[in-house]
Amino acid sequence: MKHVVLIVLGLVLLWPTPLFAGPVEWVEVPQTQAGQQWWDRGSVRLGNDGMRTVLSRFTPAVADDEPPRAGSLYVMQIDCAQQLYRDKQVNGLPRFRAEWQPAGSDGLIDSVINAVCSAPLPS
């Protein structure tokens, strides 16, 4: 029992601080056939590991005769030097074992990586 309490306490103390305190400033990247994606300029942070994190949202494209589909919110971690990303949270749910991925042929992710990596960091 003592070990469980220590583990829970450790997770609470080491849990990353919220990224989003304040107004959201969504920046849309060029739309693709997959849909639309935005990133929040005010949420860009540089972690101790040198990686950037950002809040982003994605809305999938729909055909003209389809009803709109719900979008998703992501907390992305970005390795600017290697042009890799991983989704640390999806719709508020943590992804503890998220693996690094290249953008590949995903124009939306590629645009978000380029924009976030060139964005000025808050002072």
N, C-alpha and C. Protein backbone atom coordinates (compact mmCIF):
# COMPACT_ATOMS: atom_id res chain seq x y z
N MET A 1 0.83 -1.19 0.00
CA MET A 1 0.00 0.00 0.00
C MET A 1 0.87 1.26 0.00
N LYS A 2 1.93 1.24 0.76
CA LYS A 2 2.82 2.39 0.84
C LYS A 2 3.43 2.70 -0.53
N HIS A 3 3.77 1.64 -1.28
CA HIS A 3 4.36 1.84 -2.60
C HIS A 3 3.37 2.48 -3.57
N VAL A 4 2.12 2.08 -3.48
CA VAL A 4 1.09 2.64 -4.35
C VAL A 4 0.91 4.13 -4.07
N VAL A 5 0.88 4.50 -2.81
CA VAL A 5 0.73 5.91 -2.43
C VAL A 5 1.93 6.71 -2.94
N LEU A 6 3.11 6.18 -2.80
CA LEU A 6 4.31 6.89 -3.28
C LEU A 6 4.29 7.04 -4.79
N ILE A 7 3.85 6.02 -5.50
CA ILE A 7 3.79 6.10 -6.96
C ILE A 7 2.78 7.15 -7.39
N VAL A 8 1.60 7.14 -6.79
CA VAL A 8 0.57 8.12 -7.13
C VAL A 8 1.05 9.53 -6.80
N LEU A 9 1.64 9.70 -5.64
CA LEU A 9 2.17 11.02 -5.26
C LEU A 9 3.25 11.47 -6.25
N GLY A 10 4.12 10.57 -6.64
CA GLY A 10 5.17 10.89 -7.62
C GLY A 10 4.59 11.30 -8.95
N LEU A 11 3.55 10.61 -9.42
CA LEU A 11 2.92 10.97 -10.69
C LEU A 11 2.27 12.34 -10.62
N VAL A 12 1.63 12.64 -9.51
CA VAL A 12 0.98 13.94 -9.36
C VAL A 12 2.03 15.06 -9.37
N LEU A 13 3.12 14.86 -8.66
CA LEU A 13 4.16 15.88 -8.58
C LEU A 13 4.93 16.04 -9.88
N LEU A 14 5.08 14.96 -10.63
CA LEU A 14 5.86 15.01 -11.87
C LEU A 14 5.01 15.25 -13.11
N TRP A 15 3.69 15.28 -12.95
CA TRP A 15 2.80 15.48 -14.09
C TRP A 15 3.09 16.84 -14.71
N PRO A 16 3.16 16.93 -16.05
CA PRO A 16 3.46 18.22 -16.68
C PRO A 16 2.41 19.27 -16.34
N THR A 17 2.86 20.50 -16.22
CA THR A 17 1.94 21.59 -15.94
C THR A 17 1.07 21.85 -17.16
N PRO A 18 -0.11 22.38 -16.95
CA PRO A 18 -0.99 22.65 -18.09
C PRO A 18 -0.35 23.62 -19.06
N LEU A 19 -0.58 23.38 -20.34
CA LEU A 19 -0.02 24.24 -21.37
C LEU A 19 -0.91 25.43 -21.69
N PHE A 20 -2.15 25.36 -21.30
CA PHE A 20 -3.12 26.27 -21.85
C PHE A 20 -3.75 27.14 -20.76
N ALA A 21 -3.07 28.17 -20.37
CA ALA A 21 -3.63 29.09 -19.39
C ALA A 21 -3.75 30.44 -20.08
N GLY A 22 -4.93 30.76 -20.49
CA GLY A 22 -5.13 32.03 -21.16
C GLY A 22 -5.87 31.84 -22.47
N PRO A 23 -6.03 32.92 -23.21
CA PRO A 23 -6.79 32.85 -24.45
C PRO A 23 -6.07 31.99 -25.49
N VAL A 24 -6.88 31.35 -26.30
CA VAL A 24 -6.35 30.49 -27.36
C VAL A 24 -6.26 31.31 -28.64
N GLU A 25 -5.14 31.21 -29.33
CA GLU A 25 -4.97 31.90 -30.61
C GLU A 25 -4.70 30.85 -31.69
N TRP A 26 -5.78 30.35 -32.29
CA TRP A 26 -5.66 29.30 -33.29
C TRP A 26 -5.07 29.85 -34.59
N VAL A 27 -4.10 29.10 -35.13
CA VAL A 27 -3.48 29.43 -36.41
C VAL A 27 -3.73 28.25 -37.33
N GLU A 28 -4.45 28.50 -38.43
CA GLU A 28 -4.76 27.41 -39.36
C GLU A 28 -3.61 27.20 -40.33
N VAL A 29 -3.29 25.94 -40.58
CA VAL A 29 -2.31 25.60 -41.61
C VAL A 29 -3.08 25.32 -42.89
N PRO A 30 -2.41 25.31 -44.04
CA PRO A 30 -3.14 25.08 -45.30
C PRO A 30 -3.93 23.76 -45.26
N GLN A 31 -5.19 23.87 -45.65
CA GLN A 31 -6.10 22.73 -45.67
C GLN A 31 -5.65 21.71 -46.71
N THR A 32 -5.90 20.44 -46.44
CA THR A 32 -5.61 19.36 -47.40
C THR A 32 -6.89 18.56 -47.61
N GLN A 33 -6.81 17.54 -48.44
CA GLN A 33 -7.97 16.68 -48.67
C GLN A 33 -8.36 15.93 -47.40
N ALA A 34 -7.43 15.78 -46.46
CA ALA A 34 -7.72 15.09 -45.20
C ALA A 34 -8.58 15.94 -44.26
N GLY A 35 -8.47 17.26 -44.39
CA GLY A 35 -9.26 18.13 -43.52
C GLY A 35 -8.53 19.42 -43.19
N GLN A 36 -8.83 19.93 -41.99
CA GLN A 36 -8.24 21.18 -41.53
C GLN A 36 -7.51 20.94 -40.21
N GLN A 37 -6.44 21.71 -39.99
CA GLN A 37 -5.71 21.60 -38.73
C GLN A 37 -5.26 22.99 -38.30
N TRP A 38 -5.30 23.20 -36.98
CA TRP A 38 -4.89 24.46 -36.36
C TRP A 38 -3.92 24.15 -35.23
N TRP A 39 -3.10 25.12 -34.87
CA TRP A 39 -2.25 25.02 -33.68
C TRP A 39 -2.44 26.32 -32.90
N ASP A 40 -2.26 26.23 -31.59
CA ASP A 40 -2.47 27.38 -30.71
C ASP A 40 -1.14 28.08 -30.45
N ARG A 41 -1.01 29.29 -30.97
CA ARG A 41 0.23 30.05 -30.83
C ARG A 41 0.62 30.26 -29.36
N GLY A 42 -0.36 30.45 -28.49
CA GLY A 42 -0.08 30.72 -27.08
C GLY A 42 0.32 29.49 -26.28
N SER A 43 0.20 28.30 -26.85
CA SER A 43 0.51 27.09 -26.09
C SER A 43 1.90 26.53 -26.38
N VAL A 44 2.63 27.13 -27.31
CA VAL A 44 3.95 26.60 -27.67
C VAL A 44 4.90 26.76 -26.48
N ARG A 45 5.50 25.65 -26.08
CA ARG A 45 6.45 25.65 -24.96
C ARG A 45 7.66 24.83 -25.33
N LEU A 46 8.79 25.19 -24.74
CA LEU A 46 10.03 24.43 -24.91
C LEU A 46 10.28 23.67 -23.62
N GLY A 47 10.32 22.34 -23.71
CA GLY A 47 10.54 21.51 -22.53
C GLY A 47 12.00 21.44 -22.16
N ASN A 48 12.28 20.89 -20.99
CA ASN A 48 13.66 20.72 -20.54
C ASN A 48 14.45 19.81 -21.46
N ASP A 49 13.75 18.97 -22.20
CA ASP A 49 14.41 18.04 -23.12
C ASP A 49 14.68 18.68 -24.48
N GLY A 50 14.34 19.96 -24.65
CA GLY A 50 14.58 20.65 -25.91
C GLY A 50 13.48 20.45 -26.94
N MET A 51 12.43 19.73 -26.58
CA MET A 51 11.31 19.49 -27.49
C MET A 51 10.22 20.53 -27.25
N ARG A 52 9.53 20.89 -28.30
CA ARG A 52 8.42 21.82 -28.19
C ARG A 52 7.11 21.05 -28.01
N THR A 53 6.19 21.64 -27.27
CA THR A 53 4.84 21.10 -27.17
C THR A 53 3.87 22.17 -27.63
N VAL A 54 2.74 21.72 -28.16
CA VAL A 54 1.74 22.64 -28.68
C VAL A 54 0.37 21.96 -28.64
N LEU A 55 -0.66 22.76 -28.44
CA LEU A 55 -2.03 22.29 -28.55
C LEU A 55 -2.45 22.44 -30.01
N SER A 56 -3.02 21.39 -30.56
CA SER A 56 -3.51 21.48 -31.94
C SER A 56 -4.89 20.83 -32.02
N ARG A 57 -5.60 21.15 -33.08
CA ARG A 57 -6.90 20.54 -33.30
C ARG A 57 -7.03 20.18 -34.77
N PHE A 58 -7.75 19.09 -35.00
CA PHE A 58 -7.93 18.57 -36.35
C PHE A 58 -9.41 18.33 -36.59
N THR A 59 -9.89 18.74 -37.75
CA THR A 59 -11.25 18.45 -38.18
C THR A 59 -11.17 17.74 -39.52
N PRO A 60 -11.68 16.50 -39.59
CA PRO A 60 -11.59 15.75 -40.84
C PRO A 60 -12.50 16.35 -41.92
N ALA A 61 -12.07 16.18 -43.16
CA ALA A 61 -12.88 16.63 -44.29
C ALA A 61 -14.09 15.72 -44.44
N VAL A 62 -15.16 16.28 -44.95
CA VAL A 62 -16.37 15.49 -45.22
C VAL A 62 -16.85 15.80 -46.63
N ALA A 63 -17.55 14.84 -47.22
CA ALA A 63 -18.14 15.06 -48.54
C ALA A 63 -19.33 16.01 -48.38
N ASP A 64 -19.76 16.60 -49.49
CA ASP A 64 -20.84 17.58 -49.45
C ASP A 64 -22.13 17.02 -48.87
N ASP A 65 -22.38 15.74 -49.05
CA ASP A 65 -23.63 15.15 -48.58
C ASP A 65 -23.52 14.54 -47.18
N GLU A 66 -22.37 14.71 -46.53
CA GLU A 66 -22.16 14.15 -45.19
C GLU A 66 -22.32 15.24 -44.13
N PRO A 67 -22.79 14.84 -42.95
CA PRO A 67 -22.83 15.82 -41.85
C PRO A 67 -21.42 16.07 -41.34
N PRO A 68 -21.18 17.23 -40.73
CA PRO A 68 -19.84 17.50 -40.18
C PRO A 68 -19.47 16.45 -39.14
N ARG A 69 -18.18 16.12 -39.09
CA ARG A 69 -17.70 15.16 -38.10
C ARG A 69 -16.96 15.91 -37.00
N ALA A 70 -16.99 15.31 -35.83
CA ALA A 70 -16.31 15.93 -34.68
C ALA A 70 -14.80 15.93 -34.90
N GLY A 71 -14.17 16.98 -34.46
CA GLY A 71 -12.72 17.08 -34.54
C GLY A 71 -12.08 16.52 -33.28
N SER A 72 -10.76 16.63 -33.23
CA SER A 72 -10.00 16.13 -32.08
C SER A 72 -8.99 17.17 -31.64
N LEU A 73 -8.70 17.18 -30.34
CA LEU A 73 -7.67 18.05 -29.77
C LEU A 73 -6.45 17.20 -29.42
N TYR A 74 -5.28 17.72 -29.68
CA TYR A 74 -4.04 16.99 -29.43
C TYR A 74 -3.07 17.88 -28.67
N VAL A 75 -2.29 17.29 -27.79
CA VAL A 75 -1.09 17.93 -27.29
C VAL A 75 0.04 17.21 -28.00
N MET A 76 0.68 17.93 -28.90
CA MET A 76 1.76 17.36 -29.70
C MET A 76 3.11 17.74 -29.09
N GLN A 77 4.03 16.81 -29.12
CA GLN A 77 5.41 17.09 -28.77
C GLN A 77 6.18 17.00 -30.08
N ILE A 78 7.04 17.98 -30.33
CA ILE A 78 7.73 18.08 -31.61
C ILE A 78 9.23 18.14 -31.41
N ASP A 79 9.94 17.30 -32.15
CA ASP A 79 11.40 17.32 -32.21
C ASP A 79 11.76 18.09 -33.48
N CYS A 80 12.04 19.37 -33.33
CA CYS A 80 12.30 20.23 -34.49
C CYS A 80 13.56 19.81 -35.26
N ALA A 81 14.59 19.36 -34.54
CA ALA A 81 15.84 18.99 -35.20
C ALA A 81 15.66 17.81 -36.14
N GLN A 82 14.81 16.86 -35.77
CA GLN A 82 14.62 15.67 -36.59
C GLN A 82 13.30 15.67 -37.35
N GLN A 83 12.50 16.74 -37.17
CA GLN A 83 11.19 16.85 -37.83
C GLN A 83 10.30 15.66 -37.51
N LEU A 84 10.21 15.32 -36.20
CA LEU A 84 9.37 14.22 -35.72
C LEU A 84 8.33 14.78 -34.76
N TYR A 85 7.26 14.02 -34.56
CA TYR A 85 6.24 14.42 -33.60
C TYR A 85 5.66 13.18 -32.93
N ARG A 86 4.99 13.43 -31.80
CA ARG A 86 4.18 12.40 -31.16
C ARG A 86 3.05 13.08 -30.43
N ASP A 87 1.93 12.40 -30.37
CA ASP A 87 0.75 12.94 -29.70
C ASP A 87 0.78 12.49 -28.25
N LYS A 88 1.03 13.43 -27.33
CA LYS A 88 1.10 13.12 -25.91
C LYS A 88 -0.28 13.01 -25.28
N GLN A 89 -1.27 13.71 -25.85
CA GLN A 89 -2.65 13.60 -25.40
C GLN A 89 -3.56 13.70 -26.61
N VAL A 90 -4.66 12.95 -26.57
CA VAL A 90 -5.69 13.05 -27.60
C VAL A 90 -7.02 13.24 -26.89
N ASN A 91 -7.67 14.36 -27.17
CA ASN A 91 -8.94 14.70 -26.52
C ASN A 91 -8.85 14.61 -24.99
N GLY A 92 -7.73 15.06 -24.45
CA GLY A 92 -7.53 15.10 -23.01
C GLY A 92 -7.05 13.81 -22.38
N LEU A 93 -6.96 12.74 -23.16
CA LEU A 93 -6.50 11.46 -22.62
C LEU A 93 -5.02 11.28 -22.91
N PRO A 94 -4.22 11.02 -21.89
CA PRO A 94 -2.78 10.87 -22.11
C PRO A 94 -2.45 9.62 -22.93
N ARG A 95 -1.41 9.72 -23.71
CA ARG A 95 -0.87 8.59 -24.46
C ARG A 95 0.54 8.36 -23.93
N PHE A 96 0.66 7.49 -22.94
CA PHE A 96 1.90 7.31 -22.22
C PHE A 96 3.02 6.71 -23.06
N ARG A 97 2.70 5.90 -24.02
CA ARG A 97 3.74 5.24 -24.82
C ARG A 97 3.73 5.71 -26.27
N ALA A 98 3.40 6.97 -26.47
CA ALA A 98 3.35 7.51 -27.82
C ALA A 98 4.75 7.47 -28.43
N GLU A 99 4.82 7.00 -29.65
CA GLU A 99 6.11 6.88 -30.33
C GLU A 99 6.32 8.04 -31.29
N TRP A 100 7.59 8.38 -31.49
CA TRP A 100 7.95 9.44 -32.43
C TRP A 100 7.63 8.98 -33.85
N GLN A 101 7.11 9.91 -34.65
CA GLN A 101 6.75 9.61 -36.03
C GLN A 101 7.18 10.75 -36.94
N PRO A 102 7.54 10.41 -38.17
CA PRO A 102 7.75 11.49 -39.15
C PRO A 102 6.39 11.92 -39.70
N ALA A 103 6.33 13.12 -40.22
CA ALA A 103 5.08 13.60 -40.81
C ALA A 103 4.72 12.77 -42.03
N GLY A 104 5.73 12.22 -42.70
CA GLY A 104 5.47 11.42 -43.90
C GLY A 104 4.81 12.26 -44.97
N SER A 105 3.74 11.74 -45.52
CA SER A 105 3.04 12.45 -46.59
C SER A 105 1.85 13.24 -46.06
N ASP A 106 1.77 13.44 -44.74
CA ASP A 106 0.68 14.19 -44.13
C ASP A 106 1.02 15.68 -44.16
N GLY A 107 0.43 16.39 -45.12
CA GLY A 107 0.71 17.81 -45.29
C GLY A 107 0.30 18.65 -44.09
N LEU A 108 -0.76 18.24 -43.39
CA LEU A 108 -1.21 19.00 -42.22
C LEU A 108 -0.17 18.93 -41.10
N ILE A 109 0.29 17.72 -40.79
CA ILE A 109 1.29 17.55 -39.73
C ILE A 109 2.58 18.25 -40.11
N ASP A 110 2.99 18.11 -41.35
CA ASP A 110 4.22 18.77 -41.82
C ASP A 110 4.12 20.28 -41.65
N SER A 111 2.97 20.84 -41.99
CA SER A 111 2.77 22.29 -41.84
C SER A 111 2.79 22.72 -40.38
N VAL A 112 2.18 21.91 -39.50
CA VAL A 112 2.18 22.24 -38.07
C VAL A 112 3.61 22.19 -37.53
N ILE A 113 4.36 21.15 -37.88
CA ILE A 113 5.75 21.04 -37.41
C ILE A 113 6.56 22.25 -37.84
N ASN A 114 6.47 22.61 -39.12
CA ASN A 114 7.24 23.75 -39.62
C ASN A 114 6.83 25.06 -38.95
N ALA A 115 5.52 25.26 -38.76
CA ALA A 115 5.05 26.50 -38.14
C ALA A 115 5.47 26.59 -36.67
N VAL A 116 5.28 25.49 -35.94
CA VAL A 116 5.61 25.50 -34.51
C VAL A 116 7.11 25.64 -34.29
N CYS A 117 7.91 24.99 -35.13
CA CYS A 117 9.36 25.06 -34.97
C CYS A 117 9.92 26.44 -35.30
N SER A 118 9.20 27.19 -36.12
CA SER A 118 9.68 28.55 -36.45
C SER A 118 9.00 29.62 -35.61
N ALA A 119 8.04 29.23 -34.78
CA ALA A 119 7.32 30.20 -33.94
C ALA A 119 8.22 30.68 -32.79
N PRO A 120 8.13 31.96 -32.47
CA PRO A 120 8.89 32.45 -31.30
C PRO A 120 8.33 31.85 -30.02
N LEU A 121 9.22 31.59 -29.07
CA LEU A 121 8.81 31.05 -27.79
C LEU A 121 8.40 32.19 -26.88
N PRO A 122 7.42 31.94 -25.99
CA PRO A 122 7.04 33.01 -25.06
C PRO A 122 8.19 33.33 -24.11
N SER A 123 8.27 34.58 -23.71
CA SER A 123 9.37 34.97 -22.82
C SER A 123 9.00 34.85 -21.38
